[in-house]
Structures are given as structure tokens and as C-alpha cells.
Amino acid sequence: MPIKKGSRFDGGYATVGEEDGVNYREMSEIMTQNGFEMNHSSARNYVLRVMRKFADELMKEWGLSTRDFDAEIIAKSPQFQQGIGEILQELHIYDEKGTSNVKSSC
């Protein structure tokens, strides 16, 4: 379910595009320019789908029950999204330096 403009979560508003980030509209324009036709709502849906996957996998890794925690709510949390973004940015920096010691499970 999409987040309505101005929707409030405990701890803040779900926003994108702060600092060095891009918003959903900019993201969809970049994807379209690269040959993947996309509108801003599709970009948002893709981002939230990936965030739910991160939430699901973290819950499994930590042994948390889906009865106690809702991955959908966690995925929409601005704090969770920021945390995932910071982790991905750090991994990207390490990868560019060739110093990544992260092991792939694939």
C-alpha cells in the first residue's frame, strides 16, 4: 500500500531525496533514460519491495517471529530505510576501494 504524502510514522515522516539521495520521480527519470520505462509510483513500489526483503531477511537472521514484527511496517520506517541506505553506501565505498570483506551467500 503506498504511503500518502505527509504520512507520519513514529519517529518521523517517510521522505526521500534528502542530502545526496534522489526522490522517486528523479529515480524513475533515470531508469527511463536508461531504457527501463518507469513512473515515480513504480519506483516507490520497487524500493519498498526491496526494503521488505531486507526486513524479512533480517528478521529471519535474528530469529524474530512475523507474529511479533510486521516486515511491511519495518520496511516503511524512515529509520530502517536510512539504516539500509547507510549500510549499502558503506559496502559501495569498500567495494570501490577493493577492500570489501563481505562474503556473498549466493
Protein backbone atom coordinates (compact mmCIF):
# COMPACT_ATOMS: atom_id res chain seq x y z
CA MET A 1 0.00 0.00 0.00
CA PRO A 2 1.53 3.35 -0.99
CA ILE A 3 2.44 5.93 1.57
CA LYS A 4 0.29 9.02 1.25
CA LYS A 5 2.07 12.36 1.05
CA GLY A 6 2.61 13.63 4.58
CA SER A 7 2.02 10.24 6.20
CA ARG A 8 3.52 10.22 9.66
CA PHE A 9 5.40 7.32 11.22
CA ASP A 10 6.57 7.15 14.80
CA GLY A 11 9.92 8.88 14.68
CA GLY A 12 9.40 10.93 11.53
CA TYR A 13 7.95 11.33 8.08
CA ALA A 14 8.82 8.89 5.33
CA THR A 15 10.71 11.08 2.89
CA VAL A 16 13.29 10.63 0.19
CA GLY A 17 15.67 12.89 -1.62
CA GLU A 18 17.40 14.41 1.37
CA GLU A 19 21.10 15.22 1.20
CA ASP A 20 22.71 13.21 -1.64
CA GLY A 21 19.71 11.00 -2.35
CA VAL A 22 17.22 11.16 -5.19
CA ASN A 23 13.47 11.20 -4.93
CA TYR A 24 11.16 8.70 -6.62
CA ARG A 25 10.46 10.99 -9.57
CA GLU A 26 14.19 11.53 -10.23
CA MET A 27 14.77 7.80 -9.83
CA SER A 28 12.08 6.99 -12.41
CA GLU A 29 13.53 9.54 -14.85
CA ILE A 30 17.00 7.98 -14.53
CA MET A 31 15.58 4.49 -15.08
CA THR A 32 13.58 5.64 -18.12
CA GLN A 33 16.67 7.33 -19.61
CA ASN A 34 18.49 4.01 -19.22
CA GLY A 35 15.83 2.10 -21.12
CA PHE A 36 13.61 0.92 -18.24
CA GLU A 37 10.28 2.73 -18.60
CA MET A 38 9.14 3.65 -15.10
CA ASN A 39 6.98 6.21 -13.33
CA HIS A 40 7.50 7.53 -9.81
CA SER A 41 4.95 5.23 -8.18
CA SER A 42 6.65 2.20 -9.73
CA ALA A 43 10.00 3.42 -8.38
CA ARG A 44 8.48 3.74 -4.91
CA ASN A 45 6.96 0.25 -5.17
CA TYR A 46 10.31 -1.27 -6.20
CA VAL A 47 12.09 0.45 -3.32
CA LEU A 48 9.50 -0.71 -0.78
CA ARG A 49 9.58 -4.26 -2.17
CA VAL A 50 13.36 -4.38 -1.69
CA MET A 51 13.07 -2.89 1.80
CA ARG A 52 10.55 -5.62 2.71
CA LYS A 53 13.03 -8.23 1.51
CA PHE A 54 15.75 -6.71 3.69
CA ALA A 55 13.34 -6.64 6.66
CA ASP A 56 12.27 -10.27 6.09
CA GLU A 57 15.87 -11.49 5.84
CA LEU A 58 16.99 -9.55 8.92
CA MET A 59 14.06 -10.91 10.90
CA LYS A 60 14.97 -14.48 9.85
CA GLU A 61 18.65 -13.90 10.65
CA TRP A 62 17.81 -12.60 14.13
CA GLY A 63 15.19 -15.27 14.79
CA LEU A 64 12.30 -12.80 15.07
CA SER A 65 8.75 -14.00 14.59
CA THR A 66 6.48 -12.44 11.98
CA ARG A 67 3.77 -12.64 14.64
CA ASP A 68 5.71 -10.15 16.76
CA PHE A 69 7.07 -7.91 14.00
CA ASP A 70 5.49 -6.76 10.74
CA ALA A 71 8.04 -6.57 7.90
CA GLU A 72 5.74 -4.20 5.99
CA ILE A 73 5.77 -1.62 8.79
CA ILE A 74 9.51 -2.03 9.32
CA ALA A 75 10.15 -1.59 5.57
CA LYS A 76 8.24 1.71 5.51
CA SER A 77 10.08 3.08 8.54
CA PRO A 78 12.27 6.09 7.68
CA GLN A 79 14.83 4.93 10.26
CA PHE A 80 15.03 1.45 8.71
CA GLN A 81 15.36 2.85 5.19
CA GLN A 82 18.08 5.25 6.31
CA GLY A 83 19.95 2.44 8.06
CA ILE A 84 19.81 0.19 4.99
CA GLY A 85 20.96 3.12 2.85
CA GLU A 86 23.94 3.73 5.11
CA ILE A 87 24.92 0.06 5.04
CA LEU A 88 24.69 -0.06 1.23
CA GLN A 89 26.71 3.13 0.94
CA GLU A 90 29.45 1.71 3.17
CA LEU A 91 29.50 -1.51 1.15
CA HIS A 92 29.79 0.53 -2.05
CA ILE A 93 32.72 2.53 -0.63
CA TYR A 94 34.51 -0.64 0.46
CA ASP A 95 33.84 -2.24 -2.92
CA GLU A 96 35.27 0.79 -4.78
CA LYS A 97 38.42 0.57 -2.67
CA GLY A 98 38.64 -3.16 -3.25
CA THR A 99 38.69 -3.74 0.50
CA SER A 100 35.30 -5.37 0.93
CA ASN A 101 35.44 -8.43 3.14
CA VAL A 102 31.72 -9.11 2.84
CA LYS A 103 31.01 -12.69 1.89
CA SER A 104 28.22 -13.37 -0.55
CA SER A 105 25.73 -16.09 0.31
CA CYS A 106 24.97 -16.65 -3.39
